[in-house]
């Protein structure tokens, strides 16, 4: 082979080598660009999307569960605090209370409550007393406490002796609820009255009537 042919062959190989190197460089540059534009592979992106969706669903489900739990607790609390009572009666714990709008004597007030299968109101603890005082407003109301004379103890309608949870003011024999607590008056004084009776659930359980 002549010197000129050898030279041309060498130049051809150089051109081929340069062309291959340029192609490899071009591929490398493309791969680098792909890494810069999309540093995470599609498979990894898909996994991330799936994880995000699962976490979102879990958070939403947890929020709904907590909301339902709080709502159930509120419903149970309301059910325990405010009893199911007849129309125009107010429920508190296991009792129903009726606050009259009319005024009458202690005897006629007692008779009205008996007609409703109830009795003049009785409270068994400070929570019930505070409820009655709060709900009654500024008016005075007869309640079920009475005594035979100042020398006798105060008793409820079922003849249970009063436990003196709060003192009763005055020297008369029939008690009423006022803004200062409990006071006494004569039987023929006109006042509003409060009746009380067990709620419907307790009645269905056949709790004795004299238990309230």
N, C-alpha and C. Protein backbone atom coordinates (compact mmCIF):
# COMPACT_ATOMS: atom_id res chain seq x y z
N UNK A 1 0.87 -1.19 0.00
CA UNK A 1 0.00 0.00 0.00
C UNK A 1 0.89 1.23 0.00
N UNK A 2 0.46 2.21 -0.76
CA UNK A 2 1.26 3.43 -0.87
C UNK A 2 1.10 4.26 0.37
N UNK A 3 1.97 5.21 0.50
CA UNK A 3 1.95 6.11 1.64
C UNK A 3 0.69 6.91 1.67
N UNK A 4 0.20 7.31 0.47
CA UNK A 4 -1.03 8.11 0.41
C UNK A 4 -2.20 7.29 0.89
N UNK A 5 -2.26 6.00 0.52
CA UNK A 5 -3.37 5.14 0.95
C UNK A 5 -3.34 4.92 2.44
N UNK A 6 -2.15 4.73 2.95
CA UNK A 6 -2.03 4.54 4.39
C UNK A 6 -2.52 5.75 5.14
N UNK A 7 -2.17 6.90 4.63
CA UNK A 7 -2.58 8.15 5.28
C UNK A 7 -4.09 8.30 5.24
N UNK A 8 -4.68 7.98 4.08
CA UNK A 8 -6.14 8.10 3.98
C UNK A 8 -6.84 7.14 4.93
N UNK A 9 -6.32 5.91 5.04
CA UNK A 9 -6.92 4.93 5.96
C UNK A 9 -6.84 5.41 7.39
N UNK A 10 -5.68 6.00 7.75
CA UNK A 10 -5.51 6.51 9.10
C UNK A 10 -6.48 7.64 9.41
N UNK A 11 -6.64 8.51 8.41
CA UNK A 11 -7.57 9.63 8.57
C UNK A 11 -8.98 9.10 8.69
N UNK A 12 -9.30 8.07 7.91
CA UNK A 12 -10.64 7.47 7.98
C UNK A 12 -10.91 6.89 9.35
N UNK A 13 -9.89 6.18 9.93
CA UNK A 13 -10.08 5.62 11.26
C UNK A 13 -10.26 6.71 12.30
N UNK A 14 -9.49 7.78 12.14
CA UNK A 14 -9.64 8.91 13.06
C UNK A 14 -11.04 9.50 12.98
N UNK A 15 -11.51 9.60 11.74
CA UNK A 15 -12.87 10.17 11.58
C UNK A 15 -13.91 9.27 12.22
N UNK A 16 -13.72 7.93 12.00
CA UNK A 16 -14.66 6.98 12.59
C UNK A 16 -14.60 7.05 14.11
N UNK A 17 -13.37 7.13 14.65
CA UNK A 17 -13.19 7.21 16.10
C UNK A 17 -13.82 8.47 16.65
N UNK A 18 -13.57 9.58 15.94
CA UNK A 18 -14.15 10.85 16.38
C UNK A 18 -15.66 10.79 16.34
N UNK A 19 -16.17 10.15 15.29
CA UNK A 19 -17.63 10.04 15.16
C UNK A 19 -18.21 9.21 16.30
N UNK A 20 -17.54 8.12 16.66
CA UNK A 20 -18.01 7.27 17.75
C UNK A 20 -17.94 8.02 19.06
N UNK A 21 -16.80 8.75 19.26
CA UNK A 21 -16.67 9.49 20.51
C UNK A 21 -17.75 10.57 20.62
N UNK A 22 -18.04 11.22 19.46
CA UNK A 22 -19.07 12.25 19.48
C UNK A 22 -20.43 11.63 19.81
N UNK A 23 -20.67 10.42 19.26
CA UNK A 23 -21.94 9.74 19.54
C UNK A 23 -22.05 9.36 21.01
N UNK A 24 -20.93 8.84 21.56
CA UNK A 24 -20.95 8.48 22.98
C UNK A 24 -21.12 9.72 23.85
N UNK A 25 -20.45 10.80 23.48
CA UNK A 25 -20.60 12.04 24.24
C UNK A 25 -22.03 12.54 24.19
N UNK A 26 -22.59 12.41 22.99
CA UNK A 26 -23.98 12.86 22.83
C UNK A 26 -24.91 12.03 23.72
N UNK A 27 -24.70 10.71 23.77
CA UNK A 27 -25.52 9.85 24.63
C UNK A 27 -25.33 10.19 26.09
N UNK A 28 -24.07 10.43 26.48
CA UNK A 28 -23.79 10.77 27.86
C UNK A 28 -24.47 12.07 28.25
N UNK A 29 -24.40 13.05 27.33
CA UNK A 29 -25.05 14.34 27.60
C UNK A 29 -26.56 14.16 27.74
N UNK A 30 -27.16 13.32 26.90
CA UNK A 30 -28.60 13.08 26.98
C UNK A 30 -28.97 12.43 28.31
N UNK A 31 -28.12 11.45 28.73
CA UNK A 31 -28.41 10.78 29.99
C UNK A 31 -28.31 11.76 31.15
N UNK A 32 -27.28 12.64 31.10
CA UNK A 32 -27.15 13.64 32.16
C UNK A 32 -28.35 14.58 32.18
N UNK A 33 -28.78 14.97 30.99
CA UNK A 33 -29.95 15.86 30.91
C UNK A 33 -31.19 15.19 31.48
N UNK A 34 -31.35 13.89 31.17
CA UNK A 34 -32.50 13.16 31.70
C UNK A 34 -32.44 13.08 33.22
N UNK A 35 -31.21 12.91 33.75
CA UNK A 35 -31.08 12.86 35.20
C UNK A 35 -31.44 14.21 35.83
N UNK A 36 -31.04 15.28 35.16
CA UNK A 36 -31.34 16.61 35.70
C UNK A 36 -32.83 16.90 35.63
N UNK A 37 -33.44 16.59 34.48
CA UNK A 37 -34.87 16.87 34.30
C UNK A 37 -35.70 15.94 35.15
N UNK A 38 -35.38 14.67 35.21
CA UNK A 38 -36.13 13.69 35.97
C UNK A 38 -35.17 12.85 36.78
N UNK A 39 -34.80 13.35 37.96
CA UNK A 39 -33.79 12.65 38.77
C UNK A 39 -34.28 11.33 39.32
N UNK A 40 -35.60 11.09 39.35
CA UNK A 40 -36.15 9.85 39.88
C UNK A 40 -36.78 9.07 38.74
N UNK A 41 -36.58 7.80 38.75
CA UNK A 41 -37.13 6.96 37.70
C UNK A 41 -38.65 6.90 37.80
N UNK A 42 -39.35 6.63 36.68
CA UNK A 42 -40.82 6.52 36.71
C UNK A 42 -41.33 5.51 37.73
N UNK A 43 -40.62 4.43 37.89
CA UNK A 43 -41.05 3.42 38.86
C UNK A 43 -41.01 3.97 40.28
N UNK A 44 -39.96 4.73 40.59
CA UNK A 44 -39.86 5.32 41.91
C UNK A 44 -40.94 6.38 42.12
N UNK A 45 -41.20 7.18 41.06
CA UNK A 45 -42.26 8.18 41.15
C UNK A 45 -43.61 7.52 41.41
N UNK A 46 -43.87 6.42 40.73
CA UNK A 46 -45.13 5.70 40.91
C UNK A 46 -45.26 5.21 42.35
N UNK A 47 -44.18 4.69 42.89
CA UNK A 47 -44.21 4.23 44.29
C UNK A 47 -44.49 5.39 45.24
N UNK A 48 -43.85 6.54 44.95
CA UNK A 48 -44.09 7.71 45.80
C UNK A 48 -45.55 8.15 45.75
N UNK A 49 -46.12 8.14 44.54
CA UNK A 49 -47.52 8.52 44.39
C UNK A 49 -48.42 7.58 45.19
N UNK A 50 -48.13 6.27 45.10
CA UNK A 50 -48.92 5.29 45.82
C UNK A 50 -48.84 5.51 47.33
N UNK A 51 -47.63 5.77 47.82
CA UNK A 51 -47.44 6.01 49.24
C UNK A 51 -48.20 7.26 49.69
N UNK A 52 -48.12 8.33 48.89
CA UNK A 52 -48.82 9.57 49.22
C UNK A 52 -50.32 9.35 49.27
N UNK A 53 -50.84 8.60 48.30
CA UNK A 53 -52.28 8.33 48.26
C UNK A 53 -52.70 7.52 49.48
N UNK A 54 -51.91 6.48 49.82
CA UNK A 54 -52.23 5.64 50.98
C UNK A 54 -52.22 6.47 52.27
N UNK A 55 -51.20 7.32 52.42
CA UNK A 55 -51.14 8.16 53.62
C UNK A 55 -52.30 9.14 53.70
N UNK A 56 -52.67 9.72 52.55
CA UNK A 56 -53.80 10.65 52.52
C UNK A 56 -55.09 9.96 52.92
N UNK A 57 -55.32 8.76 52.37
CA UNK A 57 -56.52 8.00 52.71
C UNK A 57 -56.52 7.65 54.20
N UNK A 58 -55.35 7.26 54.72
CA UNK A 58 -55.26 6.91 56.14
C UNK A 58 -55.57 8.11 57.03
N UNK A 59 -55.05 9.29 56.68
CA UNK A 59 -55.31 10.50 57.47
C UNK A 59 -56.79 10.86 57.44
N UNK A 60 -57.40 10.78 56.24
CA UNK A 60 -58.83 11.08 56.12
C UNK A 60 -59.66 10.09 56.94
N UNK A 61 -59.32 8.80 56.84
CA UNK A 61 -60.06 7.79 57.59
C UNK A 61 -59.91 8.00 59.09
N UNK A 62 -58.71 8.36 59.55
CA UNK A 62 -58.49 8.61 60.97
C UNK A 62 -59.29 9.82 61.44
N UNK A 63 -59.32 10.87 60.61
CA UNK A 63 -60.09 12.06 60.97
C UNK A 63 -61.57 11.75 61.09
N UNK A 64 -62.09 10.97 60.14
CA UNK A 64 -63.51 10.59 60.18
C UNK A 64 -63.80 9.76 61.42
N UNK A 65 -62.91 8.80 61.71
CA UNK A 65 -63.11 7.95 62.89
C UNK A 65 -63.11 8.77 64.17
N UNK A 66 -62.16 9.71 64.29
CA UNK A 66 -62.12 10.56 65.48
C UNK A 66 -63.36 11.43 65.60
N UNK A 67 -63.82 11.95 64.45
CA UNK A 67 -65.04 12.78 64.46
C UNK A 67 -66.24 11.99 64.91
N UNK A 68 -66.38 10.76 64.40
CA UNK A 68 -67.51 9.91 64.80
C UNK A 68 -67.42 9.54 66.27
N UNK A 69 -66.19 9.28 66.75
CA UNK A 69 -66.02 8.94 68.16
C UNK A 69 -66.43 10.09 69.06
N UNK A 70 -65.99 11.31 68.70
CA UNK A 70 -66.36 12.50 69.49
C UNK A 70 -67.86 12.71 69.48
N UNK A 71 -68.47 12.51 68.30
CA UNK A 71 -69.92 12.70 68.18
C UNK A 71 -70.67 11.68 69.03
N UNK A 72 -70.20 10.41 69.03
CA UNK A 72 -70.85 9.39 69.86
C UNK A 72 -70.72 9.73 71.33
N UNK A 73 -69.53 10.22 71.73
CA UNK A 73 -69.34 10.59 73.13
C UNK A 73 -70.27 11.74 73.52
N UNK A 74 -70.44 12.72 72.61
CA UNK A 74 -71.34 13.84 72.89
C UNK A 74 -72.77 13.36 73.01
N UNK A 75 -73.16 12.43 72.12
CA UNK A 75 -74.52 11.91 72.18
C UNK A 75 -74.77 11.15 73.47
N UNK A 76 -73.76 10.35 73.89
CA UNK A 76 -73.90 9.61 75.15
C UNK A 76 -73.99 10.58 76.32
N UNK A 77 -73.15 11.64 76.30
CA UNK A 77 -73.19 12.63 77.37
C UNK A 77 -74.53 13.33 77.44
N UNK A 78 -75.06 13.73 76.26
CA UNK A 78 -76.36 14.38 76.23
C UNK A 78 -77.45 13.43 76.71
N UNK A 79 -77.37 12.17 76.28
CA UNK A 79 -78.37 11.19 76.69
C UNK A 79 -78.35 10.98 78.19
N UNK A 80 -77.13 10.96 78.79
CA UNK A 80 -77.02 10.75 80.23
C UNK A 80 -77.45 11.98 81.01
N UNK A 81 -77.24 13.17 80.44
CA UNK A 81 -77.52 14.40 81.17
C UNK A 81 -78.97 14.83 81.02
N UNK A 82 -79.51 14.75 79.80
CA UNK A 82 -80.85 15.23 79.55
C UNK A 82 -81.74 14.04 79.18
N UNK A 83 -82.60 13.69 80.11
CA UNK A 83 -83.42 12.50 79.94
C UNK A 83 -84.54 12.75 78.95
N UNK A 84 -85.08 11.65 78.39
CA UNK A 84 -86.24 11.72 77.51
C UNK A 84 -87.47 11.95 78.38
N UNK A 85 -88.15 13.07 78.15
CA UNK A 85 -89.26 13.47 79.02
C UNK A 85 -90.47 13.87 78.17
N UNK A 86 -91.66 13.92 78.81
CA UNK A 86 -92.86 14.38 78.09
C UNK A 86 -92.70 15.82 77.61
N UNK A 87 -93.59 16.19 76.72
CA UNK A 87 -93.58 17.55 76.19
C UNK A 87 -93.77 18.56 77.33
N UNK A 88 -93.01 19.65 77.27
CA UNK A 88 -93.04 20.73 78.26
C UNK A 88 -92.36 20.35 79.58
N UNK A 89 -91.73 19.18 79.61
CA UNK A 89 -90.94 18.79 80.78
C UNK A 89 -89.46 18.90 80.40
N UNK A 90 -88.63 19.16 81.40
CA UNK A 90 -87.20 19.32 81.19
C UNK A 90 -86.47 18.15 81.84
N UNK A 91 -85.62 17.49 81.06
CA UNK A 91 -84.88 16.35 81.59
C UNK A 91 -83.53 16.76 82.16
N UNK A 92 -83.21 16.19 83.31
CA UNK A 92 -81.88 16.37 83.90
C UNK A 92 -81.52 15.10 84.64
N UNK A 93 -80.41 14.47 84.21
CA UNK A 93 -80.00 13.16 84.71
C UNK A 93 -81.14 12.16 84.58
N UNK A 94 -81.59 11.56 85.68
CA UNK A 94 -82.61 10.51 85.56
C UNK A 94 -84.00 11.01 85.94
N UNK A 95 -84.21 12.33 85.89
CA UNK A 95 -85.50 12.89 86.26
C UNK A 95 -86.03 13.83 85.19
N UNK A 96 -87.34 14.05 85.28
CA UNK A 96 -88.00 15.03 84.44
C UNK A 96 -88.64 16.08 85.35
N UNK A 97 -88.51 17.35 84.99
CA UNK A 97 -89.05 18.44 85.80
C UNK A 97 -90.02 19.29 84.98
N UNK A 98 -91.08 19.70 85.64
CA UNK A 98 -92.07 20.59 85.02
C UNK A 98 -92.10 21.90 85.80
N UNK A 99 -91.89 23.01 85.10
CA UNK A 99 -91.93 24.34 85.69
C UNK A 99 -93.22 25.02 85.27
N UNK A 100 -94.10 25.28 86.22
CA UNK A 100 -95.41 25.85 85.89
C UNK A 100 -95.27 27.32 85.50
N UNK A 101 -96.24 27.79 84.74
CA UNK A 101 -96.34 29.22 84.40
C UNK A 101 -97.42 29.90 85.23
N UNK A 102 -98.30 29.09 85.84
CA UNK A 102 -99.35 29.63 86.70
C UNK A 102 -98.89 29.62 88.15
N UNK A 103 -99.67 30.31 88.99
CA UNK A 103 -99.39 30.34 90.43
C UNK A 103 -100.56 29.74 91.20
N UNK A 104 -100.24 29.10 92.31
CA UNK A 104 -101.30 28.49 93.12
C UNK A 104 -100.76 28.22 94.52
N UNK A 105 -101.62 27.69 95.39
CA UNK A 105 -101.21 27.32 96.74
C UNK A 105 -100.37 26.05 96.71
N UNK A 106 -99.73 25.76 97.82
CA UNK A 106 -98.91 24.55 97.88
C UNK A 106 -99.77 23.31 97.68
N UNK A 107 -100.97 23.27 98.25
CA UNK A 107 -101.84 22.09 98.14
C UNK A 107 -102.29 21.86 96.71
N UNK A 108 -102.74 22.92 96.02
CA UNK A 108 -103.19 22.77 94.63
C UNK A 108 -102.01 22.45 93.71
N UNK A 109 -100.87 22.97 94.03
CA UNK A 109 -99.66 22.63 93.24
C UNK A 109 -99.34 21.15 93.39
N UNK A 110 -99.42 20.66 94.61
CA UNK A 110 -99.19 19.22 94.86
C UNK A 110 -100.19 18.38 94.08
N UNK A 111 -101.47 18.78 94.09
CA UNK A 111 -102.51 18.02 93.38
C UNK A 111 -102.26 18.00 91.88
N UNK A 112 -101.80 19.12 91.33
CA UNK A 112 -101.49 19.16 89.90
C UNK A 112 -100.41 18.14 89.57
N UNK A 113 -99.36 18.11 90.37
CA UNK A 113 -98.26 17.16 90.11
C UNK A 113 -98.76 15.71 90.21
N UNK A 114 -99.62 15.43 91.18
CA UNK A 114 -100.14 14.07 91.32
C UNK A 114 -100.96 13.67 90.10
N UNK A 115 -101.69 14.61 89.51
CA UNK A 115 -102.45 14.32 88.30
C UNK A 115 -101.53 13.98 87.13
N UNK A 116 -100.30 14.48 87.15
CA UNK A 116 -99.31 14.20 86.11
C UNK A 116 -98.45 12.97 86.45
N UNK A 117 -98.90 12.21 87.45
CA UNK A 117 -98.13 11.06 87.93
C UNK A 117 -96.74 11.47 88.37
N UNK A 118 -96.71 12.62 89.05
CA UNK A 118 -95.46 13.16 89.56
C UNK A 118 -95.70 13.69 90.97
N UNK A 119 -94.72 14.34 91.53
CA UNK A 119 -94.85 14.96 92.84
C UNK A 119 -94.16 16.32 92.81
N UNK A 120 -94.46 17.15 93.79
CA UNK A 120 -93.73 18.41 93.89
C UNK A 120 -92.23 18.10 93.96
N UNK A 121 -91.45 18.93 93.32
CA UNK A 121 -90.06 18.60 92.99
C UNK A 121 -89.21 18.23 94.20
N UNK A 122 -88.36 17.25 93.94
CA UNK A 122 -87.35 16.83 94.91
C UNK A 122 -85.99 16.87 94.23
N UNK A 123 -84.97 17.32 94.96
CA UNK A 123 -83.59 17.26 94.48
C UNK A 123 -82.80 16.38 95.44
N UNK A 124 -81.86 15.63 94.89
CA UNK A 124 -81.07 14.70 95.70
C UNK A 124 -79.61 15.10 95.86
N UNK A 125 -79.17 16.13 95.12
CA UNK A 125 -77.78 16.56 95.20
C UNK A 125 -77.68 18.01 94.74
N UNK A 126 -76.50 18.58 94.89
CA UNK A 126 -76.31 19.99 94.55
C UNK A 126 -76.43 20.22 93.05
N UNK A 127 -76.07 19.23 92.23
CA UNK A 127 -76.20 19.41 90.78
C UNK A 127 -77.65 19.63 90.40
N UNK A 128 -78.56 18.82 90.97
CA UNK A 128 -79.98 18.99 90.66
C UNK A 128 -80.50 20.32 91.21
N UNK A 129 -80.09 20.68 92.41
CA UNK A 129 -80.54 21.95 92.98
C UNK A 129 -80.06 23.13 92.15
N UNK A 130 -78.80 23.09 91.73
CA UNK A 130 -78.27 24.18 90.91
C UNK A 130 -78.99 24.26 89.56
N UNK A 131 -79.35 23.11 89.00
CA UNK A 131 -80.12 23.10 87.77
C UNK A 131 -81.47 23.78 87.97
N UNK A 132 -82.17 23.43 89.05
CA UNK A 132 -83.47 24.02 89.32
C UNK A 132 -83.35 25.54 89.53
N UNK A 133 -82.36 25.97 90.27
CA UNK A 133 -82.17 27.40 90.51
C UNK A 133 -81.84 28.14 89.23
N UNK A 134 -81.03 27.52 88.39
CA UNK A 134 -80.64 28.16 87.13
C UNK A 134 -81.81 28.25 86.16
N UNK A 135 -82.61 27.19 86.10
CA UNK A 135 -83.68 27.14 85.12
C UNK A 135 -84.90 27.96 85.53
N UNK A 136 -85.13 28.13 86.80
CA UNK A 136 -86.36 28.78 87.27
C UNK A 136 -86.39 30.28 86.97
N UNK A 137 -85.24 30.90 86.75
CA UNK A 137 -85.21 32.34 86.51
C UNK A 137 -85.37 33.12 87.80
N UNK A 138 -86.16 34.18 87.75
CA UNK A 138 -86.32 35.05 88.91
C UNK A 138 -87.56 34.73 89.74
N UNK A 139 -88.41 33.83 89.27
CA UNK A 139 -89.66 33.52 89.98
C UNK A 139 -89.41 32.55 91.14
N UNK A 140 -90.36 32.55 92.09
CA UNK A 140 -90.33 31.61 93.21
C UNK A 140 -91.20 30.39 92.87
N UNK A 141 -90.75 29.19 93.27
CA UNK A 141 -91.46 27.96 92.94
C UNK A 141 -91.60 27.08 94.19
N UNK A 142 -92.81 26.55 94.38
CA UNK A 142 -93.02 25.54 95.41
C UNK A 142 -92.21 24.29 95.06
N UNK A 143 -91.66 23.64 96.08
CA UNK A 143 -91.03 22.33 95.92
C UNK A 143 -91.65 21.39 96.96
N UNK A 144 -91.19 20.14 96.98
CA UNK A 144 -91.88 19.12 97.76
C UNK A 144 -91.54 19.03 99.23
N UNK A 145 -90.78 19.96 99.78
CA UNK A 145 -90.42 19.90 101.19
C UNK A 145 -91.52 20.52 102.06
N UNK A 146 -91.84 19.83 103.15
CA UNK A 146 -92.83 20.34 104.11
C UNK A 146 -92.55 19.71 105.47
N UNK A 147 -93.17 20.26 106.49
CA UNK A 147 -93.04 19.71 107.86
C UNK A 147 -94.34 19.97 108.62
N UNK A 148 -94.54 19.22 109.67
CA UNK A 148 -95.77 19.37 110.46
C UNK A 148 -95.72 20.62 111.32
N UNK A 149 -94.56 20.97 111.82
CA UNK A 149 -94.39 22.16 112.65
C UNK A 149 -92.90 22.48 112.71
N UNK A 150 -92.54 23.66 113.23
CA UNK A 150 -91.11 23.98 113.36
C UNK A 150 -90.35 23.01 114.23
N UNK A 151 -91.04 22.24 115.03
CA UNK A 151 -90.36 21.25 115.88
C UNK A 151 -90.13 19.92 115.16
N UNK A 152 -90.69 19.75 114.00
CA UNK A 152 -90.56 18.50 113.25
C UNK A 152 -89.55 18.67 112.10
N UNK A 153 -88.96 17.58 111.65
CA UNK A 153 -88.00 17.66 110.54
C UNK A 153 -88.71 17.90 109.21
N UNK A 154 -87.96 18.45 108.27
CA UNK A 154 -88.47 18.63 106.91
C UNK A 154 -88.50 17.28 106.21
N UNK A 155 -89.54 17.05 105.42
CA UNK A 155 -89.70 15.79 104.70
C UNK A 155 -90.14 16.05 103.26
N UNK A 156 -89.82 15.06 102.40
CA UNK A 156 -90.27 15.10 101.02
C UNK A 156 -91.68 14.53 100.92
N UNK A 157 -92.21 14.52 99.71
CA UNK A 157 -93.58 14.06 99.50
C UNK A 157 -93.75 12.58 99.84
N UNK A 158 -92.72 11.79 99.69
CA UNK A 158 -92.82 10.36 100.02
C UNK A 158 -92.47 10.08 101.48
N UNK A 159 -92.43 11.15 102.26
CA UNK A 159 -92.17 11.07 103.71
C UNK A 159 -90.70 10.80 104.05
N UNK A 160 -89.81 10.85 103.05
CA UNK A 160 -88.38 10.72 103.32
C UNK A 160 -87.86 11.99 103.98
N UNK A 161 -87.07 11.84 105.00
CA UNK A 161 -86.57 13.01 105.73
C UNK A 161 -85.52 13.75 104.90
N UNK A 162 -85.61 15.05 104.91
CA UNK A 162 -84.67 15.90 104.17
C UNK A 162 -83.29 15.83 104.83
N UNK A 163 -82.25 15.75 103.99
CA UNK A 163 -80.89 15.58 104.52
C UNK A 163 -80.19 16.90 104.81
N UNK A 164 -80.95 18.00 104.77
CA UNK A 164 -80.40 19.33 105.09
C UNK A 164 -79.21 19.68 104.21
N UNK A 165 -79.32 19.34 102.91
CA UNK A 165 -78.24 19.66 101.97
C UNK A 165 -77.95 21.15 101.96
N UNK A 166 -79.00 21.96 102.00
CA UNK A 166 -78.88 23.41 102.18
C UNK A 166 -79.92 23.82 103.22
N UNK A 167 -79.67 24.86 103.98
CA UNK A 167 -80.63 25.28 105.01
C UNK A 167 -81.90 25.88 104.40
N UNK A 168 -82.99 25.78 105.14
CA UNK A 168 -84.27 26.34 104.73
C UNK A 168 -84.58 27.52 105.63
N UNK A 169 -84.75 28.69 105.05
CA UNK A 169 -84.98 29.90 105.83
C UNK A 169 -86.46 30.04 106.20
N UNK A 170 -86.71 30.72 107.29
CA UNK A 170 -88.07 31.01 107.69
C UNK A 170 -88.61 30.06 108.74
N UNK A 171 -89.81 30.40 109.25
CA UNK A 171 -90.40 29.61 110.33
C UNK A 171 -91.69 28.91 109.88
N UNK A 172 -92.04 29.03 108.62
CA UNK A 172 -93.25 28.38 108.13
C UNK A 172 -92.96 26.93 107.76
N UNK A 173 -94.00 26.23 107.24
CA UNK A 173 -93.89 24.77 107.10
C UNK A 173 -93.90 24.24 105.66
N UNK A 174 -93.86 25.14 104.67
CA UNK A 174 -93.90 24.69 103.27
C UNK A 174 -92.81 25.44 102.49
N UNK A 175 -91.98 24.67 101.80
CA UNK A 175 -90.75 25.23 101.22
C UNK A 175 -90.95 25.64 99.76
N UNK A 176 -90.24 26.69 99.38
CA UNK A 176 -90.22 27.12 97.98
C UNK A 176 -88.81 27.56 97.62
N UNK A 177 -88.53 27.52 96.35
CA UNK A 177 -87.22 27.86 95.82
C UNK A 177 -87.23 29.31 95.37
N UNK A 178 -86.27 30.10 95.85
CA UNK A 178 -86.16 31.49 95.42
C UNK A 178 -84.72 31.81 95.06
N UNK A 179 -84.43 33.08 94.81
CA UNK A 179 -83.09 33.46 94.36
C UNK A 179 -82.03 33.27 95.43
N UNK A 180 -82.44 33.23 96.69
CA UNK A 180 -81.49 33.08 97.79
C UNK A 180 -81.30 31.63 98.23
N UNK A 181 -82.02 30.73 97.64
CA UNK A 181 -81.94 29.32 98.03
C UNK A 181 -83.32 28.77 98.29
N UNK A 182 -83.56 28.28 99.52
CA UNK A 182 -84.86 27.71 99.89
C UNK A 182 -85.40 28.48 101.09
N UNK A 183 -86.64 28.90 100.98
CA UNK A 183 -87.32 29.58 102.08
C UNK A 183 -88.64 28.88 102.35
N UNK A 184 -89.31 29.29 103.42
CA UNK A 184 -90.58 28.67 103.78
C UNK A 184 -91.70 29.71 103.77
N UNK A 185 -92.94 29.24 103.54
CA UNK A 185 -94.10 30.13 103.50
C UNK A 185 -95.32 29.35 103.98
N UNK A 186 -96.42 30.05 104.17
CA UNK A 186 -97.66 29.40 104.57
C UNK A 186 -98.28 28.67 103.39
N UNK A 187 -99.10 27.69 103.67
CA UNK A 187 -99.60 26.78 102.66
C UNK A 187 -100.49 27.48 101.64
N UNK A 188 -101.15 28.57 102.03
CA UNK A 188 -102.09 29.21 101.12
C UNK A 188 -101.47 30.33 100.28
N UNK A 189 -100.16 30.57 100.40
CA UNK A 189 -99.50 31.57 99.55
C UNK A 189 -99.50 31.09 98.10
N UNK A 190 -99.63 32.03 97.18
CA UNK A 190 -99.63 31.69 95.75
C UNK A 190 -98.22 31.80 95.17
N UNK A 191 -97.79 30.71 94.58
CA UNK A 191 -96.49 30.68 93.90
C UNK A 191 -96.56 29.70 92.74
N UNK A 192 -95.62 29.81 91.85
CA UNK A 192 -95.46 28.78 90.82
C UNK A 192 -94.94 27.51 91.48
N UNK A 193 -94.91 26.43 90.72
CA UNK A 193 -94.46 25.17 91.31
C UNK A 193 -93.64 24.35 90.31
N UNK A 194 -92.89 23.42 90.85
CA UNK A 194 -92.08 22.49 90.04
C UNK A 194 -92.49 21.07 90.39
N UNK A 195 -92.79 20.28 89.37
CA UNK A 195 -93.06 18.84 89.55
C UNK A 195 -91.83 18.04 89.11
N UNK A 196 -91.67 16.86 89.65
CA UNK A 196 -90.58 15.98 89.21
C UNK A 196 -91.07 14.54 89.20
N UNK A 197 -90.48 13.76 88.29
CA UNK A 197 -90.78 12.33 88.21
C UNK A 197 -89.64 11.64 87.47
N UNK A 198 -89.52 10.32 87.60
CA UNK A 198 -88.46 9.61 86.88
C UNK A 198 -88.66 9.72 85.38
N UNK A 199 -87.57 9.65 84.62
CA UNK A 199 -87.72 9.68 83.17
C UNK A 199 -88.32 8.37 82.66
N UNK A 200 -88.65 8.35 81.38
CA UNK A 200 -89.37 7.21 80.80
C UNK A 200 -88.56 5.93 80.90
N UNK A 201 -87.22 6.02 80.80
CA UNK A 201 -86.39 4.81 80.89
C UNK A 201 -86.51 4.18 82.26
N UNK A 202 -86.45 5.03 83.30
CA UNK A 202 -86.58 4.49 84.65
C UNK A 202 -87.96 3.92 84.90
N UNK A 203 -88.98 4.54 84.31
CA UNK A 203 -90.33 4.00 84.46
C UNK A 203 -90.44 2.63 83.81
N UNK A 204 -89.82 2.46 82.64
CA UNK A 204 -89.85 1.16 81.96
C UNK A 204 -89.12 0.10 82.78
N UNK A 205 -88.10 0.55 83.52
CA UNK A 205 -87.37 -0.39 84.39
C UNK A 205 -88.11 -0.65 85.69
N UNK A 206 -89.29 -0.03 85.85
CA UNK A 206 -90.15 -0.25 87.01
C UNK A 206 -89.47 0.15 88.31
N UNK A 207 -88.81 1.31 88.27
CA UNK A 207 -88.25 1.84 89.50
C UNK A 207 -89.39 2.34 90.36
N UNK A 208 -89.42 2.05 91.67
CA UNK A 208 -90.53 2.48 92.52
C UNK A 208 -90.74 3.99 92.45
N UNK A 209 -92.00 4.40 92.49
CA UNK A 209 -92.35 5.80 92.33
C UNK A 209 -91.78 6.66 93.45
N UNK A 210 -91.65 6.08 94.65
CA UNK A 210 -91.19 6.90 95.77
C UNK A 210 -89.68 7.00 95.82
N UNK A 211 -88.99 6.60 94.73
CA UNK A 211 -87.55 6.68 94.72
C UNK A 211 -87.05 8.04 94.30
N UNK A 212 -87.94 8.94 93.86
CA UNK A 212 -87.47 10.26 93.42
C UNK A 212 -87.88 11.34 94.40
